C-alpha atoms as a PDB file:
ATOM      1  CA  UNK A   1      -5.038   2.589   3.873  1.00  0.00           C
ATOM      2  CA  UNK A   2      -1.382   2.179   4.725  1.00  0.00           C
ATOM      3  CA  UNK A   3      -0.478  -0.070   1.813  1.00  0.00           C
ATOM      4  CA  UNK A   4      -0.661  -3.199   3.922  1.00  0.00           C
ATOM      5  CA  UNK A   5      -2.157  -6.262   2.374  1.00  0.00           C
ATOM      6  CA  UNK A   6      -5.086  -7.547   4.388  1.00  0.00           C
ATOM      7  CA  UNK A   7      -4.245 -10.537   6.500  1.00  0.00           C
ATOM      8  CA  UNK A   8      -6.883 -13.080   7.379  1.00  0.00           C
ATOM      9  CA  UNK A   9      -8.329 -12.397  10.813  1.00  0.00           C
ATOM     10  CA  UNK A  10     -10.350 -14.972  12.655  1.00  0.00           C
ATOM     11  CA  UNK A  11     -13.677 -14.147  14.243  1.00  0.00           C
ATOM     12  CA  UNK A  12     -12.191 -15.147  17.615  1.00  0.00           C
ATOM     13  CA  UNK A  13      -9.342 -12.624  17.233  1.00  0.00           C
ATOM     14  CA  UNK A  14     -11.842  -9.908  16.378  1.00  0.00           C
ATOM     15  CA  UNK A  15     -14.128 -10.900  19.243  1.00  0.00           C
ATOM     16  CA  UNK A  16     -11.212 -10.883  21.697  1.00  0.00           C
ATOM     17  CA  UNK A  17     -10.259  -7.333  20.664  1.00  0.00           C
ATOM     18  CA  UNK A  18     -13.766  -5.923  21.032  1.00  0.00           C
ATOM     19  CA  UNK A  19     -15.146  -4.588  24.278  1.00  0.00           C
ATOM     20  CA  UNK A  20     -18.910  -4.839  24.469  1.00  0.00           C
ATOM     21  CA  UNK A  21     -20.719  -3.914  27.641  1.00  0.00           C
ATOM     22  CA  UNK A  22     -21.834  -6.859  29.703  1.00  0.00           C
ATOM     23  CA  UNK A  23     -25.568  -6.208  29.381  1.00  0.00           C
ATOM     24  CA  UNK A  24     -27.289  -9.572  29.800  1.00  0.00           C
ATOM     25  CA  UNK A  25     -29.118 -10.505  26.613  1.00  0.00           C
ATOM     26  CA  UNK A  26     -30.491 -13.804  27.889  1.00  0.00           C
ATOM     27  CA  UNK A  27     -34.067 -12.631  27.211  1.00  0.00           C
ATOM     28  CA  UNK A  28     -33.298 -11.576  23.629  1.00  0.00           C
ATOM     29  CA  UNK A  29     -33.433 -14.025  20.723  1.00  0.00           C
ATOM     30  CA  UNK A  30     -32.739 -13.657  16.998  1.00  0.00           C
ATOM     31  CA  UNK A  31     -34.636 -15.237  14.131  1.00  0.00           C
ATOM     32  CA  UNK A  32     -32.037 -16.129  11.527  1.00  0.00           C
ATOM     33  CA  UNK A  33     -32.655 -16.149   7.775  1.00  0.00           C
ATOM     34  CA  UNK A  34     -33.111 -19.919   7.816  1.00  0.00           C
ATOM     35  CA  UNK A  35     -35.853 -19.571  10.454  1.00  0.00           C
ATOM     36  CA  UNK A  36     -33.888 -20.912  13.399  1.00  0.00           C
ATOM     37  CA  UNK A  37     -33.977 -18.987  16.680  1.00  0.00           C
ATOM     38  CA  UNK A  38     -30.689 -18.323  18.466  1.00  0.00           C
ATOM     39  CA  UNK A  39     -29.504 -16.260  21.414  1.00  0.00           C
ATOM     40  CA  UNK A  40     -28.676 -12.615  20.716  1.00  0.00           C
ATOM     41  CA  UNK A  41     -24.930 -11.920  20.750  1.00  0.00           C
ATOM     42  CA  UNK A  42     -23.769  -8.313  20.445  1.00  0.00           C
ATOM     43  CA  UNK A  43     -20.261  -9.493  19.594  1.00  0.00           C
ATOM     44  CA  UNK A  44     -21.573 -10.868  16.275  1.00  0.00           C
ATOM     45  CA  UNK A  45     -22.510  -7.312  15.272  1.00  0.00           C
ATOM     46  CA  UNK A  46     -19.032  -6.110  16.208  1.00  0.00           C
ATOM     47  CA  UNK A  47     -17.367  -8.945  14.298  1.00  0.00           C
ATOM     48  CA  UNK A  48     -19.396  -8.196  11.144  1.00  0.00           C
ATOM     49  CA  UNK A  49     -18.591  -4.485  11.376  1.00  0.00           C
ATOM     50  CA  UNK A  50     -14.896  -5.181  11.910  1.00  0.00           C
ATOM     51  CA  UNK A  51     -14.776  -7.518   8.906  1.00  0.00           C
ATOM     52  CA  UNK A  52     -16.441  -4.838   6.760  1.00  0.00           C
ATOM     53  CA  UNK A  53     -13.898  -2.235   7.851  1.00  0.00           C
ATOM     54  CA  UNK A  54     -11.030  -4.663   7.170  1.00  0.00           C
ATOM     55  CA  UNK A  55     -12.434  -5.390   3.696  1.00  0.00           C
ATOM     56  CA  UNK A  56     -12.426  -1.654   2.913  1.00  0.00           C
ATOM     57  CA  UNK A  57      -9.360  -0.430   4.822  1.00  0.00           C
ATOM     58  CA  UNK A  58      -7.201  -3.544   4.883  1.00  0.00           C
ATOM     59  CA  UNK A  59      -6.663  -3.409   8.622  1.00  0.00           C
ATOM     60  CA  UNK A  60      -8.380  -2.909  11.957  1.00  0.00           C
ATOM     61  CA  UNK A  61      -6.556   0.028  13.506  1.00  0.00           C
ATOM     62  CA  UNK A  62      -7.217   1.321  16.999  1.00  0.00           C
ATOM     63  CA  UNK A  63      -9.457   3.985  15.444  1.00  0.00           C
ATOM     64  CA  UNK A  64     -11.462   1.320  13.624  1.00  0.00           C
ATOM     65  CA  UNK A  65     -11.836  -0.752  16.803  1.00  0.00           C
ATOM     66  CA  UNK A  66     -13.041   2.327  18.665  1.00  0.00           C
ATOM     67  CA  UNK A  67     -15.551   3.119  15.897  1.00  0.00           C
ATOM     68  CA  UNK A  68     -16.746  -0.511  15.839  1.00  0.00           C
ATOM     69  CA  UNK A  69     -17.350  -0.405  19.596  1.00  0.00           C
ATOM     70  CA  UNK A  70     -19.230   2.882  19.261  1.00  0.00           C
ATOM     71  CA  UNK A  71     -21.366   1.642  16.342  1.00  0.00           C
ATOM     72  CA  UNK A  72     -22.076  -1.670  18.070  1.00  0.00           C
ATOM     73  CA  UNK A  73     -23.201   0.215  21.158  1.00  0.00           C
ATOM     74  CA  UNK A  74     -25.455   2.416  19.036  1.00  0.00           C
ATOM     75  CA  UNK A  75     -27.051  -0.609  17.379  1.00  0.00           C
ATOM     76  CA  UNK A  76     -27.491  -2.518  20.649  1.00  0.00           C
ATOM     77  CA  UNK A  77     -29.015   0.532  22.353  1.00  0.00           C
ATOM     78  CA  UNK A  78     -31.475   1.003  19.485  1.00  0.00           C
ATOM     79  CA  UNK A  79     -32.483  -2.659  19.661  1.00  0.00           C
ATOM     80  CA  UNK A  80     -32.845  -2.552  23.460  1.00  0.00           C
ATOM     81  CA  UNK A  81     -35.031   0.555  23.263  1.00  0.00           C
ATOM     82  CA  UNK A  82     -37.406  -1.392  21.029  1.00  0.00           C
ATOM     83  CA  UNK A  83     -37.304  -4.534  23.205  1.00  0.00           C
ATOM     84  CA  UNK A  84     -36.272  -3.448  26.716  1.00  0.00           C
ATOM     85  CA  UNK A  85     -37.532  -6.579  28.472  1.00  0.00           C
ATOM     86  CA  UNK A  86     -36.425  -9.158  25.955  1.00  0.00           C
ATOM     87  CA  UNK A  87     -38.103 -10.586  22.929  1.00  0.00           C
ATOM     88  CA  UNK A  88     -37.336 -11.860  19.479  1.00  0.00           C
ATOM     89  CA  UNK A  89     -35.543  -9.801  16.863  1.00  0.00           C
ATOM     90  CA  UNK A  90     -35.365 -10.658  13.193  1.00  0.00           C
ATOM     91  CA  UNK A  91     -31.896 -10.618  11.661  1.00  0.00           C
ATOM     92  CA  UNK A  92     -33.151  -8.155   9.035  1.00  0.00           C
ATOM     93  CA  UNK A  93     -34.087  -5.672  11.779  1.00  0.00           C
ATOM     94  CA  UNK A  94     -30.598  -5.955  13.239  1.00  0.00           C
ATOM     95  CA  UNK A  95     -29.047  -5.437   9.814  1.00  0.00           C
ATOM     96  CA  UNK A  96     -31.253  -2.378   9.235  1.00  0.00           C
ATOM     97  CA  UNK A  97     -30.006  -0.869  12.503  1.00  0.00           C
ATOM     98  CA  UNK A  98     -26.376  -1.595  11.544  1.00  0.00           C
ATOM     99  CA  UNK A  99     -26.830   0.086   8.160  1.00  0.00           C
ATOM    100  CA  UNK A 100     -28.536   3.081   9.771  1.00  0.00           C
ATOM    101  CA  UNK A 101     -25.695   3.485  12.276  1.00  0.00           C
ATOM    102  CA  UNK A 102     -23.118   3.237   9.469  1.00  0.00           C
ATOM    103  CA  UNK A 103     -24.902   5.825   7.331  1.00  0.00           C
ATOM    104  CA  UNK A 104     -25.193   8.227  10.254  1.00  0.00           C
ATOM    105  CA  UNK A 105     -21.509   7.802  11.080  1.00  0.00           C
ATOM    106  CA  UNK A 106     -20.386   8.397   7.490  1.00  0.00           C
ATOM    107  CA  UNK A 107     -18.197   5.291   7.644  1.00  0.00           C
ATOM    108  CA  UNK A 108     -16.824   4.132   4.292  1.00  0.00           C
ATOM    109  CA  UNK A 109     -17.501   0.440   4.912  1.00  0.00           C
ATOM    110  CA  UNK A 110     -21.231   1.150   5.002  1.00  0.00           C
ATOM    111  CA  UNK A 111     -21.303   1.431   1.230  1.00  0.00           C
ATOM    112  CA  UNK A 112     -19.748  -1.999   0.927  1.00  0.00           C
ATOM    113  CA  UNK A 113     -22.280  -3.568   3.313  1.00  0.00           C
ATOM    114  CA  UNK A 114     -25.247  -2.003   1.524  1.00  0.00           C
ATOM    115  CA  UNK A 115     -23.909  -3.134  -1.872  1.00  0.00           C
ATOM    116  CA  UNK A 116     -23.913  -6.798  -0.841  1.00  0.00           C
ATOM    117  CA  UNK A 117     -27.151  -8.761  -1.181  1.00  0.00           C
ATOM    118  CA  UNK A 118     -28.758  -9.687   2.145  1.00  0.00           C
ATOM    119  CA  UNK A 119     -27.420 -12.942   3.518  1.00  0.00           C
ATOM    120  CA  UNK A 120     -23.915 -12.544   2.047  1.00  0.00           C
ATOM    121  CA  UNK A 121     -22.440 -10.126   4.537  1.00  0.00           C
ATOM    122  CA  UNK A 122     -19.284 -10.802   6.491  1.00  0.00           C
END
């Protein structure tokens, strides 16, 4: 950390700074914790990861953005391998893949995500 106090960052600013491949996810749906079914959006994974890194590091440096893109790609690829032709994913399965990718990467924000109860993440 560079001694900078964290500034609030909107989800739109994070989403604008993230480059996710343009794989069409129109056949993939997500079951949310409240039971509703919504379209899968890879950028939501990237936004959550970025917020976790900001909470730990206080900023989203170029290195963090690169790591977020890499981790998001890892998670999306894992999910697509399990459902290559579309289907419905449960939010818990997505979160499990995010945590697995964080643990494998050794990223410090992973500890913070795992310490939070499910449903309270960024």
